[in-house]
Amino acid sequence: MKWEYFAAPAFAVALSAGIFSLLPKLRKRSLYFGVTVTPEFRESDEGREIARLYLSMVWCGAALALILSAVAAGQGWPVVAGLSMLLVVAVAFGAWVMAWARTRSHAAQAEPVRSAPLIGEGEEQVPGGWLTALVPYGAVVCAAAYMALHFDELPQRYPVHWGISGQPDRWASKDWTAVLAPALIGVGVLTLILVNLLLILRAARRGAGGEVRDFGTRHRRMNVNLLATTMWALGAVFTMVVLLPVLQLDGWRMFAFLAGPPLAIVVLALRMFKLSTETTGGSDGTPEQCWKLGSIYYNPADPALMVEKRSGPGFTLNFGHRLSWLIMGGLLLLVLAPLLVLK
């Protein structure tokens, strides 16, 4: 077996299964598998049985994915090993839908109207202001410009992948695609994050029905701070990735440079997960029938473009809003554009 083909997929499979296992515990207010329930339902026999079945399916999917990864690694199929994580996602999604369907029969009556106003213009700003938008982009663009200006000095056998030792283990012929691809991907990722951050600030609602202890405000601010921190961290990471071919880094230094910034993301993410486990009272105020599969919100009567998720922390689009489809199309184009340009 080629262990380098197995280690990364196995870690991704275990991490994904762990995250999916936590989703039922990230139960904001009185929500359970995306359904508004009474507080005591979670600890009832039926509630516990639904959770046990969900967890069993998730980890069975993870076990199958690990077996697939091991077989693929043994055959020298790195792509197949890498795609094994999709099996975990598919099984976990099926487990979630089954749990949601069983929980629906125990749904509690929630407030039918969302009365909270939309966020007012200028009430809250991006953490760090314009620096959060410009510095991460500027660092990546400057790194790409440096590589472009020194294009003739770059090695013809251009490194495109590095192993744990910090030494390159995959190369390509030097061309503009290989040199600029990391920067283009980085700009695309940063734009996705920035758009999400601005939508939460400008197109979501403040508060929700039945909240106590100002949960919605704290939840929104935590999401915004996490996204802003993610922009700074990924800006640093992508800048380093663009410059790696000309940097002389051993394994530990490369790990420190690339893994250091995301640690800030992890710290904030853990704080946000803790916030999401608060057993505050009330539902989120959205109509139960407008949630499809417990995670997709479709309500043309709701003017809000963004609403809080019912599974885990974060926000999701209101797919009943016309602008949501324009945003989805724009984001899809943003993801595909680098692939089309670099083809």
C-alpha atoms as a PDB file:
ATOM      1  CA  MET A   1       0.000   0.000   0.000  1.00  0.00           C
ATOM      2  CA  LYS A   2       1.157   3.532  -0.781  1.00  0.00           C
ATOM      3  CA  TRP A   3       0.566   5.162   2.601  1.00  0.00           C
ATOM      4  CA  GLU A   4       0.828   8.681   1.205  1.00  0.00           C
ATOM      5  CA  TYR A   5      -2.263   7.900  -0.902  1.00  0.00           C
ATOM      6  CA  PHE A   6      -4.153   6.625   2.156  1.00  0.00           C
ATOM      7  CA  ALA A   7      -3.173   9.004   4.987  1.00  0.00           C
ATOM      8  CA  ALA A   8      -4.827  12.206   3.727  1.00  0.00           C
ATOM      9  CA  PRO A   9      -8.111  10.572   2.574  1.00  0.00           C
ATOM     10  CA  ALA A  10      -8.321   8.604   5.832  1.00  0.00           C
ATOM     11  CA  PHE A  11      -7.898  11.809   7.846  1.00  0.00           C
ATOM     12  CA  ALA A  12     -10.541  13.573   5.720  1.00  0.00           C
ATOM     13  CA  VAL A  13     -12.964  10.650   6.166  1.00  0.00           C
ATOM     14  CA  ALA A  14     -12.507  10.592   9.956  1.00  0.00           C
ATOM     15  CA  LEU A  15     -12.819  14.383  10.207  1.00  0.00           C
ATOM     16  CA  SER A  16     -15.976  14.428   8.064  1.00  0.00           C
ATOM     17  CA  ALA A  17     -17.587  11.632  10.083  1.00  0.00           C
ATOM     18  CA  GLY A  18     -16.735  13.485  13.292  1.00  0.00           C
ATOM     19  CA  ILE A  19     -18.307  16.717  12.029  1.00  0.00           C
ATOM     20  CA  PHE A  20     -21.470  14.940  10.868  1.00  0.00           C
ATOM     21  CA  SER A  21     -21.666  13.212  14.256  1.00  0.00           C
ATOM     22  CA  LEU A  22     -21.659  16.604  15.979  1.00  0.00           C
ATOM     23  CA  LEU A  23     -24.513  18.075  13.914  1.00  0.00           C
ATOM     24  CA  PRO A  24     -27.333  16.700  16.097  1.00  0.00           C
ATOM     25  CA  LYS A  25     -25.577  18.171  19.154  1.00  0.00           C
ATOM     26  CA  LEU A  26     -25.329  21.603  17.538  1.00  0.00           C
ATOM     27  CA  ARG A  27     -29.009  22.070  18.256  1.00  0.00           C
ATOM     28  CA  LYS A  28     -29.836  25.742  18.328  1.00  0.00           C
ATOM     29  CA  ARG A  29     -32.744  26.456  20.647  1.00  0.00           C
ATOM     30  CA  SER A  30     -35.502  23.835  20.259  1.00  0.00           C
ATOM     31  CA  LEU A  31     -34.338  22.356  16.946  1.00  0.00           C
ATOM     32  CA  TYR A  32     -33.575  18.674  16.463  1.00  0.00           C
ATOM     33  CA  PHE A  33     -32.530  17.369  13.042  1.00  0.00           C
ATOM     34  CA  GLY A  34     -33.940  20.581  11.571  1.00  0.00           C
ATOM     35  CA  VAL A  35     -37.352  20.212  13.247  1.00  0.00           C
ATOM     36  CA  THR A  36     -38.835  22.327  16.045  1.00  0.00           C
ATOM     37  CA  VAL A  37     -39.511  19.973  18.978  1.00  0.00           C
ATOM     38  CA  THR A  38     -40.306  20.216  22.660  1.00  0.00           C
ATOM     39  CA  PRO A  39     -37.203  20.434  24.899  1.00  0.00           C
ATOM     40  CA  GLU A  40     -37.848  17.006  26.437  1.00  0.00           C
ATOM     41  CA  PHE A  41     -38.067  15.165  23.099  1.00  0.00           C
ATOM     42  CA  ARG A  42     -34.279  14.943  22.672  1.00  0.00           C
ATOM     43  CA  GLU A  43     -33.981  12.879  25.845  1.00  0.00           C
ATOM     44  CA  SER A  44     -37.002  10.693  25.110  1.00  0.00           C
ATOM     45  CA  ASP A  45     -36.640   7.069  23.962  1.00  0.00           C
ATOM     46  CA  GLU A  46     -37.681   8.008  20.441  1.00  0.00           C
ATOM     47  CA  GLY A  47     -35.294  10.955  20.313  1.00  0.00           C
ATOM     48  CA  ARG A  48     -32.365   8.856  21.507  1.00  0.00           C
ATOM     49  CA  GLU A  49     -33.200   6.080  19.028  1.00  0.00           C
ATOM     50  CA  ILE A  50     -33.246   8.553  16.119  1.00  0.00           C
ATOM     51  CA  ALA A  51     -29.817   9.867  17.165  1.00  0.00           C
ATOM     52  CA  ARG A  52     -28.372   6.356  17.564  1.00  0.00           C
ATOM     53  CA  LEU A  53     -29.546   5.304  14.104  1.00  0.00           C
ATOM     54  CA  TYR A  54     -28.131   8.475  12.582  1.00  0.00           C
ATOM     55  CA  LEU A  55     -24.724   7.985  14.215  1.00  0.00           C
ATOM     56  CA  SER A  56     -24.630   4.300  13.261  1.00  0.00           C
ATOM     57  CA  MET A  57     -25.225   5.142   9.603  1.00  0.00           C
ATOM     58  CA  VAL A  58     -22.606   7.907   9.598  1.00  0.00           C
ATOM     59  CA  TRP A  59     -19.856   5.691  11.025  1.00  0.00           C
ATOM     60  CA  CYS A  60     -20.805   2.727   8.837  1.00  0.00           C
ATOM     61  CA  GLY A  61     -20.367   5.054   5.872  1.00  0.00           C
ATOM     62  CA  ALA A  62     -17.014   6.150   7.275  1.00  0.00           C
ATOM     63  CA  ALA A  63     -15.897   2.522   7.672  1.00  0.00           C
ATOM     64  CA  LEU A  64     -16.845   1.736   4.076  1.00  0.00           C
ATOM     65  CA  ALA A  65     -15.023   4.864   2.902  1.00  0.00           C
ATOM     66  CA  LEU A  66     -11.868   3.832   4.775  1.00  0.00           C
ATOM     67  CA  ILE A  67     -12.002   0.380   3.179  1.00  0.00           C
ATOM     68  CA  LEU A  68     -12.401   1.994  -0.244  1.00  0.00           C
ATOM     69  CA  SER A  69      -9.464   4.326   0.488  1.00  0.00           C
ATOM     70  CA  ALA A  70      -7.261   1.413   1.544  1.00  0.00           C
ATOM     71  CA  VAL A  71      -8.103  -0.619  -1.561  1.00  0.00           C
ATOM     72  CA  ALA A  72      -7.545   2.392  -3.832  1.00  0.00           C
ATOM     73  CA  ALA A  73      -4.236   3.196  -2.122  1.00  0.00           C
ATOM     74  CA  GLY A  74      -3.132  -0.419  -2.510  1.00  0.00           C
ATOM     75  CA  GLN A  75      -3.866  -0.247  -6.230  1.00  0.00           C
ATOM     76  CA  GLY A  76      -2.134   3.118  -6.617  1.00  0.00           C
ATOM     77  CA  TRP A  77      -5.332   5.041  -7.400  1.00  0.00           C
ATOM     78  CA  PRO A  78      -4.916   8.346  -5.525  1.00  0.00           C
ATOM     79  CA  VAL A  79      -7.947   9.989  -7.150  1.00  0.00           C
ATOM     80  CA  VAL A  80     -10.276   7.167  -6.092  1.00  0.00           C
ATOM     81  CA  ALA A  81      -8.821   7.261  -2.571  1.00  0.00           C
ATOM     82  CA  GLY A  82      -9.391  11.017  -2.416  1.00  0.00           C
ATOM     83  CA  LEU A  83     -13.002  10.709  -3.598  1.00  0.00           C
ATOM     84  CA  SER A  84     -13.828   8.202  -0.849  1.00  0.00           C
ATOM     85  CA  MET A  85     -14.881  11.119   1.372  1.00  0.00           C
ATOM     86  CA  LEU A  86     -17.862  11.623  -0.950  1.00  0.00           C
ATOM     87  CA  LEU A  87     -19.186   8.282   0.260  1.00  0.00           C
ATOM     88  CA  VAL A  88     -19.240   9.618   3.832  1.00  0.00           C
ATOM     89  CA  VAL A  89     -21.099  12.736   2.679  1.00  0.00           C
ATOM     90  CA  ALA A  90     -23.684  10.708   0.731  1.00  0.00           C
ATOM     91  CA  VAL A  91     -24.362   8.287   3.587  1.00  0.00           C
ATOM     92  CA  ALA A  92     -24.494  11.089   6.169  1.00  0.00           C
ATOM     93  CA  PHE A  93     -26.967  13.029   4.027  1.00  0.00           C
ATOM     94  CA  GLY A  94     -29.174   9.953   3.729  1.00  0.00           C
ATOM     95  CA  ALA A  95     -28.955   9.421   7.494  1.00  0.00           C
ATOM     96  CA  TRP A  96     -29.912  13.058   8.098  1.00  0.00           C
ATOM     97  CA  VAL A  97     -32.952  12.821   5.805  1.00  0.00           C
ATOM     98  CA  MET A  98     -34.148   9.658   7.582  1.00  0.00           C
ATOM     99  CA  ALA A  99     -33.704  11.288  11.005  1.00  0.00           C
ATOM    100  CA  TRP A 100     -35.499  14.438   9.841  1.00  0.00           C
ATOM    101  CA  ALA A 101     -38.419  12.397   8.459  1.00  0.00           C
ATOM    102  CA  ARG A 102     -38.842  10.508  11.758  1.00  0.00           C
ATOM    103  CA  THR A 103     -38.557  13.681  13.832  1.00  0.00           C
ATOM    104  CA  ARG A 104     -41.199  15.539  11.798  1.00  0.00           C
ATOM    105  CA  SER A 105     -43.983  13.493  13.346  1.00  0.00           C
ATOM    106  CA  HIS A 106     -42.968  14.969  16.717  1.00  0.00           C
ATOM    107  CA  ALA A 107     -42.787  18.595  15.557  1.00  0.00           C
ATOM    108  CA  ALA A 108     -43.981  21.210  18.044  1.00  0.00           C
ATOM    109  CA  GLN A 109     -46.079  24.211  17.105  1.00  0.00           C
ATOM    110  CA  ALA A 110     -43.845  27.245  16.398  1.00  0.00           C
ATOM    111  CA  GLU A 111     -44.500  30.921  15.838  1.00  0.00           C
ATOM    112  CA  PRO A 112     -45.794  31.208  12.229  1.00  0.00           C
ATOM    113  CA  VAL A 113     -44.524  34.758  11.603  1.00  0.00           C
ATOM    114  CA  ARG A 114     -41.032  36.189  11.573  1.00  0.00           C
ATOM    115  CA  SER A 115     -41.389  39.695  12.907  1.00  0.00           C
ATOM    116  CA  ALA A 116     -37.744  40.751  13.165  1.00  0.00           C
ATOM    117  CA  PRO A 117     -36.719  43.536  10.744  1.00  0.00           C
ATOM    118  CA  LEU A 118     -34.064  43.181   8.103  1.00  0.00           C
ATOM    119  CA  ILE A 119     -30.609  44.461   9.018  1.00  0.00           C
ATOM    120  CA  GLY A 120     -30.379  48.190   8.502  1.00  0.00           C
ATOM    121  CA  GLU A 121     -27.735  49.704   6.271  1.00  0.00           C
ATOM    122  CA  GLY A 122     -24.640  50.745   8.168  1.00  0.00           C
ATOM    123  CA  GLU A 123     -25.635  49.202  11.504  1.00  0.00           C
ATOM    124  CA  GLU A 124     -22.757  46.756  11.502  1.00  0.00           C
ATOM    125  CA  GLN A 125     -19.521  46.705   9.567  1.00  0.00           C
ATOM    126  CA  VAL A 126     -17.097  44.043   8.395  1.00  0.00           C
ATOM    127  CA  PRO A 127     -14.612  43.293  11.219  1.00  0.00           C
ATOM    128  CA  GLY A 128     -11.375  45.049  10.308  1.00  0.00           C
ATOM    129  CA  GLY A 129     -13.185  47.253   7.790  1.00  0.00           C
ATOM    130  CA  TRP A 130     -11.763  47.657   4.305  1.00  0.00           C
ATOM    131  CA  LEU A 131      -8.476  46.043   5.388  1.00  0.00           C
ATOM    132  CA  THR A 132     -10.240  42.672   5.670  1.00  0.00           C
ATOM    133  CA  ALA A 133     -11.321  42.981   2.053  1.00  0.00           C
ATOM    134  CA  LEU A 134      -8.114  44.393   0.582  1.00  0.00           C
ATOM    135  CA  VAL A 135      -5.187  42.869   2.484  1.00  0.00           C
ATOM    136  CA  PRO A 136      -5.884  39.152   1.790  1.00  0.00           C
ATOM    137  CA  TYR A 137      -6.552  39.894  -1.889  1.00  0.00           C
ATOM    138  CA  GLY A 138      -3.548  42.210  -2.088  1.00  0.00           C
ATOM    139  CA  ALA A 139      -1.180  39.638  -0.595  1.00  0.00           C
ATOM    140  CA  VAL A 140      -2.238  36.945  -3.058  1.00  0.00           C
ATOM    141  CA  VAL A 141      -2.109  39.321  -6.029  1.00  0.00           C
ATOM    142  CA  CYS A 142       1.327  40.632  -5.029  1.00  0.00           C
ATOM    143  CA  ALA A 143       2.645  37.085  -4.727  1.00  0.00           C
ATOM    144  CA  ALA A 144       1.280  36.250  -8.180  1.00  0.00           C
ATOM    145  CA  ALA A 145       2.773  39.444  -9.608  1.00  0.00           C
ATOM    146  CA  TYR A 146       6.176  38.544  -8.158  1.00  0.00           C
ATOM    147  CA  MET A 147       6.029  35.100  -9.783  1.00  0.00           C
ATOM    148  CA  ALA A 148       4.948  36.620 -13.088  1.00  0.00           C
ATOM    149  CA  LEU A 149       7.766  39.161 -13.076  1.00  0.00           C
ATOM    150  CA  HIS A 150      10.290  36.382 -12.404  1.00  0.00           C
ATOM    151  CA  PHE A 151       8.699  33.899 -14.783  1.00  0.00           C
ATOM    152  CA  ASP A 152      11.859  33.404 -16.843  1.00  0.00           C
ATOM    153  CA  GLU A 153      13.857  32.589 -13.703  1.00  0.00           C
ATOM    154  CA  LEU A 154      11.468  29.876 -12.514  1.00  0.00           C
ATOM    155  CA  PRO A 155      12.526  26.235 -13.020  1.00  0.00           C
ATOM    156  CA  GLN A 156      11.305  24.584 -16.206  1.00  0.00           C
ATOM    157  CA  ARG A 157      10.355  21.500 -14.173  1.00  0.00           C
ATOM    158  CA  TYR A 158       7.814  23.343 -12.070  1.00  0.00           C
ATOM    159  CA  PRO A 159       6.796  21.879  -8.666  1.00  0.00           C
ATOM    160  CA  VAL A 160       3.027  21.683  -8.128  1.00  0.00           C
ATOM    161  CA  HIS A 161       2.759  19.434  -5.041  1.00  0.00           C
ATOM    162  CA  TRP A 162       4.758  18.969  -1.861  1.00  0.00           C
ATOM    163  CA  GLY A 163       5.012  16.008   0.487  1.00  0.00           C
ATOM    164  CA  ILE A 164       5.089  15.927   4.281  1.00  0.00           C
ATOM    165  CA  SER A 165       8.876  16.321   4.187  1.00  0.00           C
ATOM    166  CA  GLY A 166       8.499  19.726   2.568  1.00  0.00           C
ATOM    167  CA  GLN A 167      10.068  18.516  -0.679  1.00  0.00           C
ATOM    168  CA  PRO A 168       8.154  18.631  -4.000  1.00  0.00           C
ATOM    169  CA  ASP A 169       6.879  15.257  -5.169  1.00  0.00           C
ATOM    170  CA  ARG A 170       4.960  16.254  -8.297  1.00  0.00           C
ATOM    171  CA  TRP A 171       5.992  18.492 -11.178  1.00  0.00           C
ATOM    172  CA  ALA A 172       4.617  19.970 -14.376  1.00  0.00           C
ATOM    173  CA  SER A 173       6.076  21.808 -17.320  1.00  0.00           C
ATOM    174  CA  LYS A 174       6.430  25.493 -16.529  1.00  0.00           C
ATOM    175  CA  ASP A 175       3.633  27.556 -18.031  1.00  0.00           C
ATOM    176  CA  TRP A 176       1.329  30.358 -16.942  1.00  0.00           C
ATOM    177  CA  THR A 177      -1.357  27.895 -15.880  1.00  0.00           C
ATOM    178  CA  ALA A 178       0.900  26.170 -13.358  1.00  0.00           C
ATOM    179  CA  VAL A 179       2.289  29.456 -12.029  1.00  0.00           C
ATOM    180  CA  LEU A 180      -0.971  31.389 -11.661  1.00  0.00           C
ATOM    181  CA  ALA A 181      -3.429  28.610 -10.788  1.00  0.00           C
ATOM    182  CA  PRO A 182      -2.980  28.868  -6.972  1.00  0.00           C
ATOM    183  CA  ALA A 183      -3.536  32.640  -7.073  1.00  0.00           C
ATOM    184  CA  LEU A 184      -6.682  32.372  -9.190  1.00  0.00           C
ATOM    185  CA  ILE A 185      -8.097  29.679  -6.937  1.00  0.00           C
ATOM    186  CA  GLY A 186      -7.216  31.768  -3.892  1.00  0.00           C
ATOM    187  CA  VAL A 187      -8.987  34.846  -5.248  1.00  0.00           C
ATOM    188  CA  GLY A 188     -12.046  32.741  -5.982  1.00  0.00           C
ATOM    189  CA  VAL A 189     -12.139  31.251  -2.471  1.00  0.00           C
ATOM    190  CA  LEU A 190     -11.670  34.675  -0.847  1.00  0.00           C
ATOM    191  CA  THR A 191     -14.515  36.083  -2.941  1.00  0.00           C
ATOM    192  CA  LEU A 192     -16.854  33.276  -1.877  1.00  0.00           C
ATOM    193  CA  ILE A 193     -16.099  34.035   1.775  1.00  0.00           C
ATOM    194  CA  LEU A 194     -16.478  37.810   1.345  1.00  0.00           C
ATOM    195  CA  VAL A 195     -19.830  37.451  -0.432  1.00  0.00           C
ATOM    196  CA  ASN A 196     -21.105  35.197   2.355  1.00  0.00           C
ATOM    197  CA  LEU A 197     -19.929  37.676   4.993  1.00  0.00           C
ATOM    198  CA  LEU A 198     -21.631  40.632   3.291  1.00  0.00           C
ATOM    199  CA  LEU A 199     -24.872  38.708   2.801  1.00  0.00           C
ATOM    200  CA  ILE A 200     -25.030  37.897   6.517  1.00  0.00           C
ATOM    201  CA  LEU A 201     -24.478  41.568   7.385  1.00  0.00           C
ATOM    202  CA  ARG A 202     -26.784  43.108   4.809  1.00  0.00           C
ATOM    203  CA  ALA A 203     -29.418  40.537   3.809  1.00  0.00           C
ATOM    204  CA  ALA A 204     -30.201  38.537   6.949  1.00  0.00           C
ATOM    205  CA  ARG A 205     -32.630  39.264   9.738  1.00  0.00           C
ATOM    206  CA  ARG A 206     -31.719  40.436  13.202  1.00  0.00           C
ATOM    207  CA  GLY A 207     -33.262  38.224  15.808  1.00  0.00           C
ATOM    208  CA  ALA A 208     -35.924  35.577  15.475  1.00  0.00           C
ATOM    209  CA  GLY A 209     -39.080  34.437  17.186  1.00  0.00           C
ATOM    210  CA  GLY A 210     -38.743  33.076  20.702  1.00  0.00           C
ATOM    211  CA  GLU A 211     -35.109  33.998  21.294  1.00  0.00           C
ATOM    212  CA  VAL A 212     -33.699  34.539  24.753  1.00  0.00           C
ATOM    213  CA  ARG A 213     -30.358  35.957  25.858  1.00  0.00           C
ATOM    214  CA  ASP A 214     -29.985  37.668  22.471  1.00  0.00           C
ATOM    215  CA  PHE A 215     -28.850  34.425  20.842  1.00  0.00           C
ATOM    216  CA  GLY A 216     -29.352  35.652  17.270  1.00  0.00           C
ATOM    217  CA  THR A 217     -27.123  38.709  17.696  1.00  0.00           C
ATOM    218  CA  ARG A 218     -24.308  36.714  19.266  1.00  0.00           C
ATOM    219  CA  HIS A 219     -24.643  33.968  16.672  1.00  0.00           C
ATOM    220  CA  ARG A 220     -24.507  36.444  13.771  1.00  0.00           C
ATOM    221  CA  ARG A 221     -21.497  38.287  15.180  1.00  0.00           C
ATOM    222  CA  MET A 222     -19.650  35.031  15.772  1.00  0.00           C
ATOM    223  CA  ASN A 223     -20.261  33.968  12.160  1.00  0.00           C
ATOM    224  CA  VAL A 224     -19.095  37.325  10.829  1.00  0.00           C
ATOM    225  CA  ASN A 225     -15.947  37.264  12.973  1.00  0.00           C
ATOM    226  CA  LEU A 226     -15.183  33.717  11.866  1.00  0.00           C
ATOM    227  CA  LEU A 227     -15.542  34.599   8.178  1.00  0.00           C
ATOM    228  CA  ALA A 228     -13.366  37.704   8.552  1.00  0.00           C
ATOM    229  CA  THR A 229     -10.690  35.680  10.343  1.00  0.00           C
ATOM    230  CA  THR A 230     -10.926  33.031   7.640  1.00  0.00           C
ATOM    231  CA  MET A 231     -10.248  35.642   4.964  1.00  0.00           C
ATOM    232  CA  TRP A 232      -7.059  36.796   6.708  1.00  0.00           C
ATOM    233  CA  ALA A 233      -5.901  33.232   7.373  1.00  0.00           C
ATOM    234  CA  LEU A 234      -6.573  31.918   3.865  1.00  0.00           C
ATOM    235  CA  GLY A 235      -5.060  35.039   2.348  1.00  0.00           C
ATOM    236  CA  ALA A 236      -1.817  34.171   4.171  1.00  0.00           C
ATOM    237  CA  VAL A 237      -2.041  30.495   3.210  1.00  0.00           C
ATOM    238  CA  PHE A 238      -2.665  31.121  -0.499  1.00  0.00           C
ATOM    239  CA  THR A 239       0.118  33.704  -0.579  1.00  0.00           C
ATOM    240  CA  MET A 240       2.527  31.072   0.745  1.00  0.00           C
ATOM    241  CA  VAL A 241       1.216  28.453  -1.696  1.00  0.00           C
ATOM    242  CA  VAL A 242       1.819  30.802  -4.643  1.00  0.00           C
ATOM    243  CA  LEU A 243       5.411  31.418  -3.474  1.00  0.00           C
ATOM    244  CA  LEU A 244       6.292  27.836  -2.461  1.00  0.00           C
ATOM    245  CA  PRO A 245       8.165  27.036  -5.715  1.00  0.00           C
ATOM    246  CA  VAL A 246      10.757  29.719  -4.922  1.00  0.00           C
ATOM    247  CA  LEU A 247      10.901  29.303  -1.139  1.00  0.00           C
ATOM    248  CA  GLN A 248      13.360  26.983   0.536  1.00  0.00           C
ATOM    249  CA  LEU A 249      11.321  25.452   3.361  1.00  0.00           C
ATOM    250  CA  ASP A 250      11.801  22.180   5.165  1.00  0.00           C
ATOM    251  CA  GLY A 251       8.840  20.122   6.322  1.00  0.00           C
ATOM    252  CA  TRP A 252       8.407  21.773   9.733  1.00  0.00           C
ATOM    253  CA  ARG A 253       8.715  25.314   8.434  1.00  0.00           C
ATOM    254  CA  MET A 254       6.264  24.669   5.634  1.00  0.00           C
ATOM    255  CA  PHE A 255       3.833  23.101   8.101  1.00  0.00           C
ATOM    256  CA  ALA A 256       4.159  26.098  10.427  1.00  0.00           C
ATOM    257  CA  PHE A 257       3.590  28.611   7.628  1.00  0.00           C
ATOM    258  CA  LEU A 258       0.608  26.784   6.121  1.00  0.00           C
ATOM    259  CA  ALA A 259      -1.027  25.375   9.268  1.00  0.00           C
ATOM    260  CA  GLY A 260      -0.434  28.345  11.574  1.00  0.00           C
ATOM    261  CA  PRO A 261      -3.050  30.780  10.182  1.00  0.00           C
ATOM    262  CA  PRO A 262      -5.898  28.196  10.090  1.00  0.00           C
ATOM    263  CA  LEU A 263      -5.430  27.599  13.839  1.00  0.00           C
ATOM    264  CA  ALA A 264      -7.183  30.915  14.439  1.00  0.00           C
ATOM    265  CA  ILE A 265     -10.105  29.604  12.376  1.00  0.00           C
ATOM    266  CA  VAL A 266     -10.253  26.448  14.487  1.00  0.00           C
ATOM    267  CA  VAL A 267     -10.327  28.426  17.752  1.00  0.00           C
ATOM    268  CA  LEU A 268     -13.220  30.612  16.601  1.00  0.00           C
ATOM    269  CA  ALA A 269     -15.039  27.634  15.079  1.00  0.00           C
ATOM    270  CA  LEU A 270     -14.917  25.800  18.411  1.00  0.00           C
ATOM    271  CA  ARG A 271     -16.345  28.868  20.153  1.00  0.00           C
ATOM    272  CA  MET A 272     -19.132  29.064  17.578  1.00  0.00           C
ATOM    273  CA  PHE A 273     -19.922  25.358  17.968  1.00  0.00           C
ATOM    274  CA  LYS A 274     -20.171  25.891  21.722  1.00  0.00           C
ATOM    275  CA  LEU A 275     -22.554  28.793  21.152  1.00  0.00           C
ATOM    276  CA  SER A 276     -24.734  26.611  18.922  1.00  0.00           C
ATOM    277  CA  THR A 277     -25.221  24.068  21.716  1.00  0.00           C
ATOM    278  CA  GLU A 278     -26.914  26.589  23.996  1.00  0.00           C
ATOM    279  CA  THR A 279     -30.350  25.316  24.958  1.00  0.00           C
ATOM    280  CA  THR A 280     -32.026  28.702  24.650  1.00  0.00           C
ATOM    281  CA  GLY A 281     -35.796  28.755  24.398  1.00  0.00           C
ATOM    282  CA  GLY A 282     -38.031  29.092  21.381  1.00  0.00           C
ATOM    283  CA  SER A 283     -37.746  28.236  17.707  1.00  0.00           C
ATOM    284  CA  ASP A 284     -36.137  30.338  14.977  1.00  0.00           C
ATOM    285  CA  GLY A 285     -39.527  31.751  13.985  1.00  0.00           C
ATOM    286  CA  THR A 286     -39.538  30.312  10.447  1.00  0.00           C
ATOM    287  CA  PRO A 287     -42.534  28.256   9.242  1.00  0.00           C
ATOM    288  CA  GLU A 288     -41.938  24.523   9.657  1.00  0.00           C
ATOM    289  CA  GLN A 289     -43.362  23.679   6.239  1.00  0.00           C
ATOM    290  CA  CYS A 290     -40.847  25.974   4.505  1.00  0.00           C
ATOM    291  CA  TRP A 291     -37.898  23.769   5.493  1.00  0.00           C
ATOM    292  CA  LYS A 292     -37.214  20.971   3.012  1.00  0.00           C
ATOM    293  CA  LEU A 293     -35.244  18.002   4.372  1.00  0.00           C
ATOM    294  CA  GLY A 294     -34.586  20.070   7.473  1.00  0.00           C
ATOM    295  CA  SER A 295     -31.853  22.137   5.839  1.00  0.00           C
ATOM    296  CA  ILE A 296     -33.215  23.881   2.704  1.00  0.00           C
ATOM    297  CA  TYR A 297     -35.316  26.983   3.332  1.00  0.00           C
ATOM    298  CA  TYR A 298     -37.879  27.984   0.668  1.00  0.00           C
ATOM    299  CA  ASN A 299     -40.258  30.799   1.582  1.00  0.00           C
ATOM    300  CA  PRO A 300     -41.224  33.369  -1.102  1.00  0.00           C
ATOM    301  CA  ALA A 301     -43.214  35.274   1.531  1.00  0.00           C
ATOM    302  CA  ASP A 302     -40.116  35.943   3.641  1.00  0.00           C
ATOM    303  CA  PRO A 303     -38.192  39.053   2.444  1.00  0.00           C
ATOM    304  CA  ALA A 304     -35.006  37.873   4.163  1.00  0.00           C
ATOM    305  CA  LEU A 305     -32.359  36.580   1.759  1.00  0.00           C
ATOM    306  CA  MET A 306     -30.395  34.799   4.505  1.00  0.00           C
ATOM    307  CA  VAL A 307     -31.667  32.863   7.533  1.00  0.00           C
ATOM    308  CA  GLU A 308     -29.979  30.932  10.302  1.00  0.00           C
ATOM    309  CA  LYS A 309     -29.329  27.273   9.531  1.00  0.00           C
ATOM    310  CA  ARG A 310     -31.313  24.651  11.372  1.00  0.00           C
ATOM    311  CA  SER A 311     -28.370  22.237  11.463  1.00  0.00           C
ATOM    312  CA  GLY A 312     -25.166  23.510  12.958  1.00  0.00           C
ATOM    313  CA  PRO A 313     -23.919  27.091  13.030  1.00  0.00           C
ATOM    314  CA  GLY A 314     -24.084  29.486  10.115  1.00  0.00           C
ATOM    315  CA  PHE A 315     -26.610  30.906   7.656  1.00  0.00           C
ATOM    316  CA  THR A 316     -28.258  29.632   4.504  1.00  0.00           C
ATOM    317  CA  LEU A 317     -30.031  31.228   1.561  1.00  0.00           C
ATOM    318  CA  ASN A 318     -33.797  31.584   1.352  1.00  0.00           C
ATOM    319  CA  PHE A 319     -34.300  29.800  -1.965  1.00  0.00           C
ATOM    320  CA  GLY A 320     -37.738  31.338  -2.251  1.00  0.00           C
ATOM    321  CA  HIS A 321     -36.075  34.725  -2.770  1.00  0.00           C
ATOM    322  CA  ARG A 322     -35.394  35.555  -6.423  1.00  0.00           C
ATOM    323  CA  LEU A 323     -31.965  36.950  -5.701  1.00  0.00           C
ATOM    324  CA  SER A 324     -30.850  33.642  -4.182  1.00  0.00           C
ATOM    325  CA  TRP A 325     -30.732  31.995  -7.596  1.00  0.00           C
ATOM    326  CA  LEU A 326     -28.770  34.889  -9.084  1.00  0.00           C
ATOM    327  CA  ILE A 327     -26.304  34.590  -6.211  1.00  0.00           C
ATOM    328  CA  MET A 328     -26.011  30.827  -6.671  1.00  0.00           C
ATOM    329  CA  GLY A 329     -25.408  31.307 -10.394  1.00  0.00           C
ATOM    330  CA  GLY A 330     -22.783  33.950  -9.735  1.00  0.00           C
ATOM    331  CA  LEU A 331     -20.990  31.799  -7.163  1.00  0.00           C
ATOM    332  CA  LEU A 332     -21.053  28.814  -9.520  1.00  0.00           C
ATOM    333  CA  LEU A 333     -19.562  30.966 -12.268  1.00  0.00           C
ATOM    334  CA  LEU A 334     -16.930  32.167  -9.807  1.00  0.00           C
ATOM    335  CA  VAL A 335     -15.973  28.561  -9.027  1.00  0.00           C
ATOM    336  CA  LEU A 336     -15.878  27.503 -12.682  1.00  0.00           C
ATOM    337  CA  ALA A 337     -14.118  30.616 -14.013  1.00  0.00           C
ATOM    338  CA  PRO A 338     -10.598  29.623 -12.870  1.00  0.00           C
ATOM    339  CA  LEU A 339     -11.082  26.172 -14.387  1.00  0.00           C
ATOM    340  CA  LEU A 340     -12.163  27.673 -17.702  1.00  0.00           C
ATOM    341  CA  VAL A 341      -9.329  30.212 -17.711  1.00  0.00           C
ATOM    342  CA  LEU A 342      -6.707  27.619 -16.789  1.00  0.00           C
ATOM    343  CA  LYS A 343      -7.971  24.948 -19.175  1.00  0.00           C
END
